[in-house]
Amino acid sequence: MMKPLGQLPKTIQAWCVVAVLLVGLVSVGPARSQTPWLRVAHTLFPGGFGQALGSDGKDLYVLRQFATNARVSFQRFGLDDGLVTGSFNLPPPPQALQNGTTMAFDPDGNLYALFGSEHGKRRRFFSRFTAGQWLALAPTPFDQGAGDAQTFVSFQGERFVYTVLGARAAFARYNLGPNRWETLPAPPWACSGNGSALAWDGGEFVYALQGSDCDNTPSRAFARYYLSLQLWETLPDVPEAVNYGGSLLWDGDVSLYATTGSDVPFAGRTLLRYDLEAQRWDASLPPLNCSVGEYNGNRLAAVAGRLYYWQGAPPTWNDTPLCDGKGLYLFAWKYVS
């Protein structure tokens, strides 16, 4: 017969208490003082000057190239119930990845990519990846650059990729049917830069982060584009200025999620939520466990109601052991929706 706890030796009593506490943590989930982020995989390399994270709604994809003459890495991470079941190397695109590289997926799983540009260069490459192959599409109507951003939109029976292009913040949409670009009214700012991002809310609006401004200063500007009226509306400023590693993601319900990034090591841990119904920002979310920044490119993705991020930073941004620039992390508290 088991003795009551008080009748056991003190050493055994102490271990029993520890065991009870551990069981409690397992049963109720991680304590709020702990990080909610679980490392589920890592990329072949840390961040680079041309890179992006994306999702087709089932798996995660990472495009990455450190510099123009370096190796291009294109990886797919298979998911099952939130966890990565395997990683697969895919054929790299025919173009070099430069600052402003972005990805967008349509509901059929086709990937659309802008490949960015170095400062002062004129690049307008735009391609689709489907069935394991890259196909060149109509070039973008404006030069690309650090301010590139894109999002898929289905509207009035047609399907598009809406884009911000280059530093001048030109705005255009690509019609998937006729392989044609259409120029649209520009956002309410003169320039877009590092951290520029777009997200469609599944309805009438495309939301935009400016990123850095014409002076390359991180900006808090935030706006949305009314698809029917073809008009921009200025929204409440982001609580923190957006820089390298800025991202914007619709959760499939009533929220957007954003990272603000940084060009300062160990500083870019901010995670924000924007309430689409109340039209206000929530800055109370737990921070990322690793700093994102130094390099441009989207860091957020959502699959089946779960939120992921990729650090995509230099390996020297390693103030904690897991922060090696390569980690893919799952938000274990399932904040999305």
C-alpha atoms as a PDB file:
ATOM      1  CA  MET A   1       0.000   0.000   0.000  1.00  0.00           C
ATOM      2  CA  MET A   2       1.384   3.451  -0.999  1.00  0.00           C
ATOM      3  CA  LYS A   3       2.197   5.774   1.924  1.00  0.00           C
ATOM      4  CA  PRO A   4       0.815   9.341   2.094  1.00  0.00           C
ATOM      5  CA  LEU A   5       3.286  11.970   0.807  1.00  0.00           C
ATOM      6  CA  GLY A   6       3.894  13.330   4.294  1.00  0.00           C
ATOM      7  CA  GLN A   7       5.113   9.952   5.553  1.00  0.00           C
ATOM      8  CA  LEU A   8       7.772   9.554   2.838  1.00  0.00           C
ATOM      9  CA  PRO A   9      11.411  10.637   3.313  1.00  0.00           C
ATOM     10  CA  LYS A  10      11.992  14.327   2.485  1.00  0.00           C
ATOM     11  CA  THR A  11      14.133  13.566  -0.589  1.00  0.00           C
ATOM     12  CA  ILE A  12      11.391  11.395  -2.064  1.00  0.00           C
ATOM     13  CA  GLN A  13       8.801  14.041  -1.135  1.00  0.00           C
ATOM     14  CA  ALA A  14      10.762  16.622  -3.134  1.00  0.00           C
ATOM     15  CA  TRP A  15      10.945  14.416  -6.210  1.00  0.00           C
ATOM     16  CA  CYS A  16       7.229  13.725  -5.963  1.00  0.00           C
ATOM     17  CA  VAL A  17       6.491  17.432  -5.983  1.00  0.00           C
ATOM     18  CA  VAL A  18       8.687  17.903  -9.064  1.00  0.00           C
ATOM     19  CA  ALA A  19       6.908  15.036 -10.811  1.00  0.00           C
ATOM     20  CA  VAL A  20       3.486  16.544 -10.036  1.00  0.00           C
ATOM     21  CA  LEU A  21       4.590  19.906 -11.424  1.00  0.00           C
ATOM     22  CA  LEU A  22       5.902  18.308 -14.611  1.00  0.00           C
ATOM     23  CA  VAL A  23       2.686  16.368 -15.101  1.00  0.00           C
ATOM     24  CA  GLY A  24       0.761  19.592 -14.640  1.00  0.00           C
ATOM     25  CA  LEU A  25       2.802  21.313 -17.343  1.00  0.00           C
ATOM     26  CA  VAL A  26       2.191  18.457 -19.770  1.00  0.00           C
ATOM     27  CA  SER A  27      -1.528  18.422 -19.091  1.00  0.00           C
ATOM     28  CA  VAL A  28      -2.208  22.138 -19.397  1.00  0.00           C
ATOM     29  CA  GLY A  29       0.444  23.101 -21.971  1.00  0.00           C
ATOM     30  CA  PRO A  30       3.475  25.385 -21.611  1.00  0.00           C
ATOM     31  CA  ALA A  31       3.484  28.036 -18.910  1.00  0.00           C
ATOM     32  CA  ARG A  32       2.994  31.549 -20.227  1.00  0.00           C
ATOM     33  CA  SER A  33       6.447  32.534 -18.973  1.00  0.00           C
ATOM     34  CA  GLN A  34       7.996  30.035 -21.396  1.00  0.00           C
ATOM     35  CA  THR A  35       8.502  30.645 -25.084  1.00  0.00           C
ATOM     36  CA  PRO A  36       5.577  29.358 -27.172  1.00  0.00           C
ATOM     37  CA  TRP A  37       7.847  28.649 -30.145  1.00  0.00           C
ATOM     38  CA  LEU A  38       8.811  25.087 -31.014  1.00  0.00           C
ATOM     39  CA  ARG A  39      11.649  24.472 -33.467  1.00  0.00           C
ATOM     40  CA  VAL A  40      10.319  21.966 -36.000  1.00  0.00           C
ATOM     41  CA  ALA A  41      12.999  22.038 -38.730  1.00  0.00           C
ATOM     42  CA  HIS A  42      15.914  23.993 -40.144  1.00  0.00           C
ATOM     43  CA  THR A  43      16.916  25.114 -43.617  1.00  0.00           C
ATOM     44  CA  LEU A  44      20.164  24.093 -45.314  1.00  0.00           C
ATOM     45  CA  PHE A  45      21.568  27.572 -44.817  1.00  0.00           C
ATOM     46  CA  PRO A  46      20.944  30.666 -42.683  1.00  0.00           C
ATOM     47  CA  GLY A  47      19.581  33.853 -44.228  1.00  0.00           C
ATOM     48  CA  GLY A  48      20.738  35.529 -47.430  1.00  0.00           C
ATOM     49  CA  PHE A  49      20.224  38.675 -49.484  1.00  0.00           C
ATOM     50  CA  GLY A  50      17.514  37.059 -51.627  1.00  0.00           C
ATOM     51  CA  GLN A  51      15.032  34.918 -49.710  1.00  0.00           C
ATOM     52  CA  ALA A  52      11.415  34.272 -48.712  1.00  0.00           C
ATOM     53  CA  LEU A  53       9.211  31.847 -46.789  1.00  0.00           C
ATOM     54  CA  GLY A  54       5.852  30.782 -48.259  1.00  0.00           C
ATOM     55  CA  SER A  55       3.129  28.159 -48.008  1.00  0.00           C
ATOM     56  CA  ASP A  56       0.732  26.464 -50.425  1.00  0.00           C
ATOM     57  CA  GLY A  57      -1.692  25.745 -47.567  1.00  0.00           C
ATOM     58  CA  LYS A  58      -0.211  22.290 -46.953  1.00  0.00           C
ATOM     59  CA  ASP A  59       3.576  22.599 -46.790  1.00  0.00           C
ATOM     60  CA  LEU A  60       6.217  25.268 -46.210  1.00  0.00           C
ATOM     61  CA  TYR A  61       8.656  26.507 -48.865  1.00  0.00           C
ATOM     62  CA  VAL A  62      11.894  28.477 -48.506  1.00  0.00           C
ATOM     63  CA  LEU A  63      13.775  30.189 -51.341  1.00  0.00           C
ATOM     64  CA  ARG A  64      17.222  31.452 -50.397  1.00  0.00           C
ATOM     65  CA  GLN A  65      20.450  32.697 -51.980  1.00  0.00           C
ATOM     66  CA  PHE A  66      23.193  34.390 -49.997  1.00  0.00           C
ATOM     67  CA  ALA A  67      24.569  36.444 -52.903  1.00  0.00           C
ATOM     68  CA  THR A  68      24.238  36.584 -56.695  1.00  0.00           C
ATOM     69  CA  ASN A  69      26.979  34.030 -57.453  1.00  0.00           C
ATOM     70  CA  ALA A  70      26.172  31.722 -54.531  1.00  0.00           C
ATOM     71  CA  ARG A  71      24.144  28.512 -54.562  1.00  0.00           C
ATOM     72  CA  VAL A  72      20.355  28.873 -54.715  1.00  0.00           C
ATOM     73  CA  SER A  73      18.442  26.760 -52.199  1.00  0.00           C
ATOM     74  CA  PHE A  74      14.780  25.868 -52.727  1.00  0.00           C
ATOM     75  CA  GLN A  75      13.287  23.592 -50.058  1.00  0.00           C
ATOM     76  CA  ARG A  76       9.858  22.166 -49.319  1.00  0.00           C
ATOM     77  CA  PHE A  77       8.976  21.066 -45.770  1.00  0.00           C
ATOM     78  CA  GLY A  78       6.190  18.499 -45.531  1.00  0.00           C
ATOM     79  CA  LEU A  79       3.813  18.931 -42.584  1.00  0.00           C
ATOM     80  CA  ASP A  80       1.597  16.574 -40.623  1.00  0.00           C
ATOM     81  CA  ASP A  81      -0.466  17.856 -37.688  1.00  0.00           C
ATOM     82  CA  GLY A  82       1.764  20.883 -37.357  1.00  0.00           C
ATOM     83  CA  LEU A  83       5.116  19.078 -37.366  1.00  0.00           C
ATOM     84  CA  VAL A  84       7.620  18.716 -40.195  1.00  0.00           C
ATOM     85  CA  THR A  85       7.736  15.171 -41.568  1.00  0.00           C
ATOM     86  CA  GLY A  86      10.527  15.726 -44.077  1.00  0.00           C
ATOM     87  CA  SER A  87      12.398  18.250 -46.194  1.00  0.00           C
ATOM     88  CA  PHE A  88      12.856  18.051 -49.954  1.00  0.00           C
ATOM     89  CA  ASN A  89      15.193  19.915 -52.298  1.00  0.00           C
ATOM     90  CA  LEU A  90      13.409  21.355 -55.336  1.00  0.00           C
ATOM     91  CA  PRO A  91      14.771  22.647 -58.676  1.00  0.00           C
ATOM     92  CA  PRO A  92      16.082  26.191 -58.180  1.00  0.00           C
ATOM     93  CA  PRO A  93      14.703  29.006 -60.346  1.00  0.00           C
ATOM     94  CA  PRO A  94      16.661  30.089 -63.434  1.00  0.00           C
ATOM     95  CA  GLN A  95      17.148  33.588 -62.042  1.00  0.00           C
ATOM     96  CA  ALA A  96      19.342  34.765 -59.185  1.00  0.00           C
ATOM     97  CA  LEU A  97      17.513  35.722 -55.990  1.00  0.00           C
ATOM     98  CA  GLN A  98      18.126  39.311 -54.965  1.00  0.00           C
ATOM     99  CA  ASN A  99      16.714  41.786 -52.461  1.00  0.00           C
ATOM    100  CA  GLY A 100      12.928  41.809 -52.846  1.00  0.00           C
ATOM    101  CA  THR A 101      12.457  38.096 -53.602  1.00  0.00           C
ATOM    102  CA  THR A 102       8.861  37.109 -52.825  1.00  0.00           C
ATOM    103  CA  MET A 103       6.490  34.147 -53.210  1.00  0.00           C
ATOM    104  CA  ALA A 104       2.715  33.828 -53.561  1.00  0.00           C
ATOM    105  CA  PHE A 105       0.611  30.686 -54.055  1.00  0.00           C
ATOM    106  CA  ASP A 106      -2.728  30.182 -55.760  1.00  0.00           C
ATOM    107  CA  PRO A 107      -5.276  27.628 -54.402  1.00  0.00           C
ATOM    108  CA  ASP A 108      -4.002  25.016 -56.890  1.00  0.00           C
ATOM    109  CA  GLY A 109      -0.553  25.085 -55.291  1.00  0.00           C
ATOM    110  CA  ASN A 110       1.181  27.032 -58.073  1.00  0.00           C
ATOM    111  CA  LEU A 111       3.950  29.315 -56.843  1.00  0.00           C
ATOM    112  CA  TYR A 112       4.479  32.808 -58.307  1.00  0.00           C
ATOM    113  CA  ALA A 113       7.837  34.463 -57.654  1.00  0.00           C
ATOM    114  CA  LEU A 114       9.438  37.867 -58.004  1.00  0.00           C
ATOM    115  CA  PHE A 115      13.234  37.659 -57.890  1.00  0.00           C
ATOM    116  CA  GLY A 116      14.006  41.177 -56.663  1.00  0.00           C
ATOM    117  CA  SER A 117      16.926  43.330 -57.733  1.00  0.00           C
ATOM    118  CA  GLU A 118      20.129  44.861 -56.505  1.00  0.00           C
ATOM    119  CA  HIS A 119      20.081  48.618 -56.056  1.00  0.00           C
ATOM    120  CA  GLY A 120      20.251  50.430 -59.386  1.00  0.00           C
ATOM    121  CA  LYS A 121      19.748  47.294 -61.498  1.00  0.00           C
ATOM    122  CA  ARG A 122      16.778  46.826 -63.840  1.00  0.00           C
ATOM    123  CA  ARG A 123      15.188  43.424 -63.283  1.00  0.00           C
ATOM    124  CA  ARG A 124      11.598  42.460 -64.055  1.00  0.00           C
ATOM    125  CA  PHE A 125      11.661  38.648 -63.895  1.00  0.00           C
ATOM    126  CA  PHE A 126       8.442  36.903 -62.885  1.00  0.00           C
ATOM    127  CA  SER A 127       7.945  33.119 -62.927  1.00  0.00           C
ATOM    128  CA  ARG A 128       5.604  30.312 -61.914  1.00  0.00           C
ATOM    129  CA  PHE A 129       6.663  27.018 -60.347  1.00  0.00           C
ATOM    130  CA  THR A 130       4.305  24.129 -61.015  1.00  0.00           C
ATOM    131  CA  ALA A 131       4.702  20.352 -61.416  1.00  0.00           C
ATOM    132  CA  GLY A 132       8.381  20.634 -60.548  1.00  0.00           C
ATOM    133  CA  GLN A 133       9.214  23.135 -63.271  1.00  0.00           C
ATOM    134  CA  TRP A 134       9.790  26.890 -63.555  1.00  0.00           C
ATOM    135  CA  LEU A 135       7.976  28.803 -66.294  1.00  0.00           C
ATOM    136  CA  ALA A 136       8.803  32.402 -67.224  1.00  0.00           C
ATOM    137  CA  LEU A 137       5.735  34.662 -67.277  1.00  0.00           C
ATOM    138  CA  ALA A 138       5.132  38.184 -68.565  1.00  0.00           C
ATOM    139  CA  PRO A 139       7.744  40.506 -67.002  1.00  0.00           C
ATOM    140  CA  THR A 140       6.610  42.976 -64.367  1.00  0.00           C
ATOM    141  CA  PRO A 141       5.593  46.436 -65.673  1.00  0.00           C
ATOM    142  CA  PHE A 142       8.056  48.197 -63.351  1.00  0.00           C
ATOM    143  CA  ASP A 143      11.557  47.466 -62.086  1.00  0.00           C
ATOM    144  CA  GLN A 144      11.784  45.296 -58.987  1.00  0.00           C
ATOM    145  CA  GLY A 145      13.707  46.033 -55.795  1.00  0.00           C
ATOM    146  CA  ALA A 146      13.764  45.907 -52.007  1.00  0.00           C
ATOM    147  CA  GLY A 147      10.129  47.066 -51.792  1.00  0.00           C
ATOM    148  CA  ASP A 148       8.713  44.074 -53.683  1.00  0.00           C
ATOM    149  CA  ALA A 149       5.677  42.389 -52.130  1.00  0.00           C
ATOM    150  CA  GLN A 150       2.876  40.191 -53.458  1.00  0.00           C
ATOM    151  CA  THR A 151      -0.282  38.313 -52.475  1.00  0.00           C
ATOM    152  CA  PHE A 152      -2.787  36.093 -54.269  1.00  0.00           C
ATOM    153  CA  VAL A 153      -6.328  37.491 -54.734  1.00  0.00           C
ATOM    154  CA  SER A 154      -9.502  35.897 -56.098  1.00  0.00           C
ATOM    155  CA  PHE A 155     -12.012  38.596 -57.012  1.00  0.00           C
ATOM    156  CA  GLN A 156     -15.122  38.814 -59.176  1.00  0.00           C
ATOM    157  CA  GLY A 157     -14.504  35.447 -60.776  1.00  0.00           C
ATOM    158  CA  GLU A 158     -10.881  36.137 -61.720  1.00  0.00           C
ATOM    159  CA  ARG A 159      -7.584  35.291 -60.052  1.00  0.00           C
ATOM    160  CA  PHE A 160      -4.696  37.682 -59.622  1.00  0.00           C
ATOM    161  CA  VAL A 161      -1.337  38.246 -57.958  1.00  0.00           C
ATOM    162  CA  TYR A 162      -1.300  41.784 -56.533  1.00  0.00           C
ATOM    163  CA  THR A 163       2.168  43.301 -56.235  1.00  0.00           C
ATOM    164  CA  VAL A 164       4.114  46.271 -54.966  1.00  0.00           C
ATOM    165  CA  LEU A 165       7.177  46.673 -57.180  1.00  0.00           C
ATOM    166  CA  GLY A 166      10.536  48.212 -56.410  1.00  0.00           C
ATOM    167  CA  ALA A 167      11.496  51.240 -54.404  1.00  0.00           C
ATOM    168  CA  ARG A 168       9.008  53.563 -56.135  1.00  0.00           C
ATOM    169  CA  ALA A 169       6.067  51.624 -54.659  1.00  0.00           C
ATOM    170  CA  ALA A 170       4.417  50.967 -58.013  1.00  0.00           C
ATOM    171  CA  PHE A 171       1.268  48.856 -57.636  1.00  0.00           C
ATOM    172  CA  ALA A 172       0.054  46.344 -60.222  1.00  0.00           C
ATOM    173  CA  ARG A 173      -1.773  43.055 -60.541  1.00  0.00           C
ATOM    174  CA  TYR A 174      -1.050  40.017 -62.655  1.00  0.00           C
ATOM    175  CA  ASN A 175      -4.089  38.279 -64.176  1.00  0.00           C
ATOM    176  CA  LEU A 176      -3.467  34.524 -64.055  1.00  0.00           C
ATOM    177  CA  GLY A 177      -5.753  33.853 -67.007  1.00  0.00           C
ATOM    178  CA  PRO A 178      -4.438  35.952 -69.911  1.00  0.00           C
ATOM    179  CA  ASN A 179      -0.850  36.234 -68.513  1.00  0.00           C
ATOM    180  CA  ARG A 180      -1.222  40.021 -68.382  1.00  0.00           C
ATOM    181  CA  TRP A 181      -0.254  42.840 -66.011  1.00  0.00           C
ATOM    182  CA  GLU A 182      -2.491  45.802 -65.118  1.00  0.00           C
ATOM    183  CA  THR A 183      -1.248  48.992 -63.443  1.00  0.00           C
ATOM    184  CA  LEU A 184      -3.204  50.172 -60.377  1.00  0.00           C
ATOM    185  CA  PRO A 185      -3.257  53.298 -58.149  1.00  0.00           C
ATOM    186  CA  ALA A 186      -0.094  53.544 -56.059  1.00  0.00           C
ATOM    187  CA  PRO A 187      -0.134  53.189 -52.242  1.00  0.00           C
ATOM    188  CA  PRO A 188      -0.315  56.360 -50.098  1.00  0.00           C
ATOM    189  CA  TRP A 189       3.471  56.643 -49.833  1.00  0.00           C
ATOM    190  CA  ALA A 190       6.174  57.563 -52.337  1.00  0.00           C
ATOM    191  CA  CYS A 191       8.529  54.645 -51.697  1.00  0.00           C
ATOM    192  CA  SER A 192       8.488  51.093 -50.402  1.00  0.00           C
ATOM    193  CA  GLY A 193      11.568  49.392 -49.024  1.00  0.00           C
ATOM    194  CA  ASN A 194      12.870  46.640 -46.783  1.00  0.00           C
ATOM    195  CA  GLY A 195       9.989  44.979 -44.962  1.00  0.00           C
ATOM    196  CA  SER A 196       7.319  45.888 -47.524  1.00  0.00           C
ATOM    197  CA  ALA A 197       4.495  43.328 -47.375  1.00  0.00           C
ATOM    198  CA  LEU A 198       0.997  42.590 -48.720  1.00  0.00           C
ATOM    199  CA  ALA A 199      -1.829  40.355 -47.462  1.00  0.00           C
ATOM    200  CA  TRP A 200      -5.317  39.721 -48.875  1.00  0.00           C
ATOM    201  CA  ASP A 201      -8.116  39.283 -46.315  1.00  0.00           C
ATOM    202  CA  GLY A 202     -10.151  36.863 -48.441  1.00  0.00           C
ATOM    203  CA  GLY A 203     -12.683  39.584 -49.245  1.00  0.00           C
ATOM    204  CA  GLU A 204     -12.613  43.207 -50.375  1.00  0.00           C
ATOM    205  CA  PHE A 205      -9.216  44.380 -49.136  1.00  0.00           C
ATOM    206  CA  VAL A 206      -5.494  43.988 -49.682  1.00  0.00           C
ATOM    207  CA  TYR A 207      -3.436  45.249 -46.708  1.00  0.00           C
ATOM    208  CA  ALA A 208       0.052  46.745 -47.043  1.00  0.00           C
ATOM    209  CA  LEU A 209       3.087  47.556 -44.898  1.00  0.00           C
ATOM    210  CA  GLN A 210       5.317  50.239 -46.373  1.00  0.00           C
ATOM    211  CA  GLY A 211       8.578  48.907 -44.951  1.00  0.00           C
ATOM    212  CA  SER A 212      11.391  51.450 -45.049  1.00  0.00           C
ATOM    213  CA  ASP A 213      10.725  54.835 -46.654  1.00  0.00           C
ATOM    214  CA  CYS A 214      12.490  56.919 -49.328  1.00  0.00           C
ATOM    215  CA  ASP A 215      15.339  57.684 -46.905  1.00  0.00           C
ATOM    216  CA  ASN A 216      15.656  53.975 -46.061  1.00  0.00           C
ATOM    217  CA  THR A 217      14.269  54.734 -42.602  1.00  0.00           C
ATOM    218  CA  PRO A 218      11.982  52.053 -41.096  1.00  0.00           C
ATOM    219  CA  SER A 219       8.356  53.198 -41.324  1.00  0.00           C
ATOM    220  CA  ARG A 220       5.159  52.480 -39.372  1.00  0.00           C
ATOM    221  CA  ALA A 221       2.860  53.234 -42.329  1.00  0.00           C
ATOM    222  CA  PHE A 222      -0.012  50.806 -42.902  1.00  0.00           C
ATOM    223  CA  ALA A 223      -2.875  50.946 -45.423  1.00  0.00           C
ATOM    224  CA  ARG A 224      -5.435  48.867 -47.292  1.00  0.00           C
ATOM    225  CA  TYR A 225      -6.605  48.782 -50.899  1.00  0.00           C
ATOM    226  CA  TYR A 226     -10.326  48.556 -51.642  1.00  0.00           C
ATOM    227  CA  LEU A 227     -10.578  46.108 -54.558  1.00  0.00           C
ATOM    228  CA  SER A 228     -13.994  47.224 -55.819  1.00  0.00           C
ATOM    229  CA  LEU A 229     -13.359  50.958 -55.638  1.00  0.00           C
ATOM    230  CA  GLN A 230      -9.646  50.785 -56.489  1.00  0.00           C
ATOM    231  CA  LEU A 231      -8.898  53.189 -53.648  1.00  0.00           C
ATOM    232  CA  TRP A 232      -6.342  53.211 -50.819  1.00  0.00           C
ATOM    233  CA  GLU A 233      -7.243  53.928 -47.190  1.00  0.00           C
ATOM    234  CA  THR A 234      -4.706  54.848 -44.527  1.00  0.00           C
ATOM    235  CA  LEU A 235      -4.973  52.735 -41.347  1.00  0.00           C
ATOM    236  CA  PRO A 236      -3.572  53.027 -37.789  1.00  0.00           C
ATOM    237  CA  ASP A 237       0.212  53.012 -37.759  1.00  0.00           C
ATOM    238  CA  VAL A 238       2.041  49.820 -36.897  1.00  0.00           C
ATOM    239  CA  PRO A 239       3.087  49.998 -33.209  1.00  0.00           C
ATOM    240  CA  GLU A 240       6.718  49.502 -34.200  1.00  0.00           C
ATOM    241  CA  ALA A 241       8.579  50.573 -37.353  1.00  0.00           C
ATOM    242  CA  VAL A 242       9.039  47.887 -40.013  1.00  0.00           C
ATOM    243  CA  ASN A 243      12.492  46.974 -41.323  1.00  0.00           C
ATOM    244  CA  TYR A 244      14.365  43.966 -42.758  1.00  0.00           C
ATOM    245  CA  GLY A 245      12.278  40.855 -42.057  1.00  0.00           C
ATOM    246  CA  GLY A 246       8.932  42.652 -42.033  1.00  0.00           C
ATOM    247  CA  SER A 247       6.031  40.319 -42.886  1.00  0.00           C
ATOM    248  CA  LEU A 248       2.238  40.394 -43.110  1.00  0.00           C
ATOM    249  CA  LEU A 249      -0.035  37.332 -43.025  1.00  0.00           C
ATOM    250  CA  TRP A 250      -3.798  36.768 -43.028  1.00  0.00           C
ATOM    251  CA  ASP A 251      -4.817  33.934 -40.693  1.00  0.00           C
ATOM    252  CA  GLY A 252      -7.873  32.930 -42.735  1.00  0.00           C
ATOM    253  CA  ASP A 253     -10.266  34.511 -40.235  1.00  0.00           C
ATOM    254  CA  VAL A 254     -10.332  37.983 -38.641  1.00  0.00           C
ATOM    255  CA  SER A 255      -6.662  38.691 -37.967  1.00  0.00           C
ATOM    256  CA  LEU A 256      -3.456  39.707 -39.670  1.00  0.00           C
ATOM    257  CA  TYR A 257      -0.094  38.837 -38.149  1.00  0.00           C
ATOM    258  CA  ALA A 258       3.061  40.869 -38.681  1.00  0.00           C
ATOM    259  CA  THR A 259       6.751  40.797 -37.897  1.00  0.00           C
ATOM    260  CA  THR A 260       8.617  44.094 -37.881  1.00  0.00           C
ATOM    261  CA  GLY A 261      12.159  42.736 -38.173  1.00  0.00           C
ATOM    262  CA  SER A 262      15.325  44.738 -37.577  1.00  0.00           C
ATOM    263  CA  ASP A 263      18.788  45.537 -38.865  1.00  0.00           C
ATOM    264  CA  VAL A 264      20.134  45.327 -35.301  1.00  0.00           C
ATOM    265  CA  PRO A 265      21.210  41.883 -34.016  1.00  0.00           C
ATOM    266  CA  PHE A 266      18.896  40.332 -31.408  1.00  0.00           C
ATOM    267  CA  ALA A 267      16.322  43.151 -31.729  1.00  0.00           C
ATOM    268  CA  GLY A 268      13.818  41.872 -34.325  1.00  0.00           C
ATOM    269  CA  ARG A 269      11.549  39.717 -32.171  1.00  0.00           C
ATOM    270  CA  THR A 270       8.288  41.669 -32.377  1.00  0.00           C
ATOM    271  CA  LEU A 271       5.114  39.769 -33.347  1.00  0.00           C
ATOM    272  CA  LEU A 272       1.903  41.781 -33.787  1.00  0.00           C
ATOM    273  CA  ARG A 273      -1.745  40.997 -34.494  1.00  0.00           C
ATOM    274  CA  TYR A 274      -4.139  43.301 -36.331  1.00  0.00           C
ATOM    275  CA  ASP A 275      -7.856  42.843 -35.646  1.00  0.00           C
ATOM    276  CA  LEU A 276      -9.664  43.246 -38.974  1.00  0.00           C
ATOM    277  CA  GLU A 277     -13.029  43.875 -37.326  1.00  0.00           C
ATOM    278  CA  ALA A 278     -11.913  46.342 -34.645  1.00  0.00           C
ATOM    279  CA  GLN A 279      -9.194  47.818 -36.920  1.00  0.00           C
ATOM    280  CA  ARG A 280      -6.591  48.015 -34.206  1.00  0.00           C
ATOM    281  CA  TRP A 281      -3.205  46.509 -33.432  1.00  0.00           C
ATOM    282  CA  ASP A 282      -2.488  44.121 -30.557  1.00  0.00           C
ATOM    283  CA  ALA A 283       1.104  44.315 -29.306  1.00  0.00           C
ATOM    284  CA  SER A 284       0.633  41.932 -26.369  1.00  0.00           C
ATOM    285  CA  LEU A 285       1.655  38.695 -28.127  1.00  0.00           C
ATOM    286  CA  PRO A 286       4.749  36.846 -26.875  1.00  0.00           C
ATOM    287  CA  PRO A 287       7.824  37.763 -28.937  1.00  0.00           C
ATOM    288  CA  LEU A 288       9.623  35.503 -31.364  1.00  0.00           C
ATOM    289  CA  ASN A 289      12.298  33.437 -29.645  1.00  0.00           C
ATOM    290  CA  CYS A 290      14.891  34.399 -32.294  1.00  0.00           C
ATOM    291  CA  SER A 291      15.486  37.759 -33.915  1.00  0.00           C
ATOM    292  CA  VAL A 292      14.580  38.121 -37.613  1.00  0.00           C
ATOM    293  CA  GLY A 293      16.190  40.725 -39.815  1.00  0.00           C
ATOM    294  CA  GLU A 294      19.401  41.865 -41.501  1.00  0.00           C
ATOM    295  CA  TYR A 295      18.048  40.286 -44.700  1.00  0.00           C
ATOM    296  CA  ASN A 296      14.770  41.118 -46.421  1.00  0.00           C
ATOM    297  CA  GLY A 297      11.993  38.631 -47.242  1.00  0.00           C
ATOM    298  CA  ASN A 298       8.778  37.250 -45.724  1.00  0.00           C
ATOM    299  CA  ARG A 299       9.185  35.242 -42.507  1.00  0.00           C
ATOM    300  CA  LEU A 300       5.592  34.202 -41.672  1.00  0.00           C
ATOM    301  CA  ALA A 301       3.353  31.369 -42.916  1.00  0.00           C
ATOM    302  CA  ALA A 302       0.140  29.704 -41.738  1.00  0.00           C
ATOM    303  CA  VAL A 303      -1.006  26.128 -42.375  1.00  0.00           C
ATOM    304  CA  ALA A 304      -4.191  24.579 -40.972  1.00  0.00           C
ATOM    305  CA  GLY A 305      -4.606  27.313 -38.353  1.00  0.00           C
ATOM    306  CA  ARG A 306      -1.009  27.089 -37.154  1.00  0.00           C
ATOM    307  CA  LEU A 307       1.504  29.932 -37.318  1.00  0.00           C
ATOM    308  CA  TYR A 308       5.139  29.428 -38.398  1.00  0.00           C
ATOM    309  CA  TYR A 309       8.150  31.654 -38.816  1.00  0.00           C
ATOM    310  CA  TRP A 310      11.640  31.258 -40.264  1.00  0.00           C
ATOM    311  CA  GLN A 311      14.514  33.144 -38.653  1.00  0.00           C
ATOM    312  CA  GLY A 312      16.384  33.694 -41.935  1.00  0.00           C
ATOM    313  CA  ALA A 313      19.081  35.780 -40.254  1.00  0.00           C
ATOM    314  CA  PRO A 314      22.907  35.632 -40.152  1.00  0.00           C
ATOM    315  CA  PRO A 315      24.361  32.770 -38.055  1.00  0.00           C
ATOM    316  CA  THR A 316      25.927  35.383 -35.788  1.00  0.00           C
ATOM    317  CA  TRP A 317      22.442  36.364 -34.537  1.00  0.00           C
ATOM    318  CA  ASN A 318      22.807  33.568 -32.010  1.00  0.00           C
ATOM    319  CA  ASP A 319      22.189  35.053 -28.570  1.00  0.00           C
ATOM    320  CA  THR A 320      20.485  31.744 -27.643  1.00  0.00           C
ATOM    321  CA  PRO A 321      21.705  28.276 -28.756  1.00  0.00           C
ATOM    322  CA  LEU A 322      18.806  27.587 -31.143  1.00  0.00           C
ATOM    323  CA  CYS A 323      19.130  30.918 -32.944  1.00  0.00           C
ATOM    324  CA  ASP A 324      21.470  29.954 -35.776  1.00  0.00           C
ATOM    325  CA  GLY A 325      19.641  31.744 -38.598  1.00  0.00           C
ATOM    326  CA  LYS A 326      18.196  28.490 -40.006  1.00  0.00           C
ATOM    327  CA  GLY A 327      15.338  27.508 -37.695  1.00  0.00           C
ATOM    328  CA  LEU A 328      11.682  27.009 -38.666  1.00  0.00           C
ATOM    329  CA  TYR A 329       9.414  27.527 -35.647  1.00  0.00           C
ATOM    330  CA  LEU A 330       5.817  26.603 -34.811  1.00  0.00           C
ATOM    331  CA  PHE A 331       3.695  28.728 -32.496  1.00  0.00           C
ATOM    332  CA  ALA A 332       2.805  25.953 -30.058  1.00  0.00           C
ATOM    333  CA  TRP A 333      -0.015  27.883 -28.362  1.00  0.00           C
ATOM    334  CA  LYS A 334      -1.911  27.982 -31.671  1.00  0.00           C
ATOM    335  CA  TYR A 335      -2.766  31.681 -31.555  1.00  0.00           C
ATOM    336  CA  VAL A 336      -4.006  31.730 -35.155  1.00  0.00           C
ATOM    337  CA  SER A 337      -7.848  31.969 -35.191  1.00  0.00           C
END
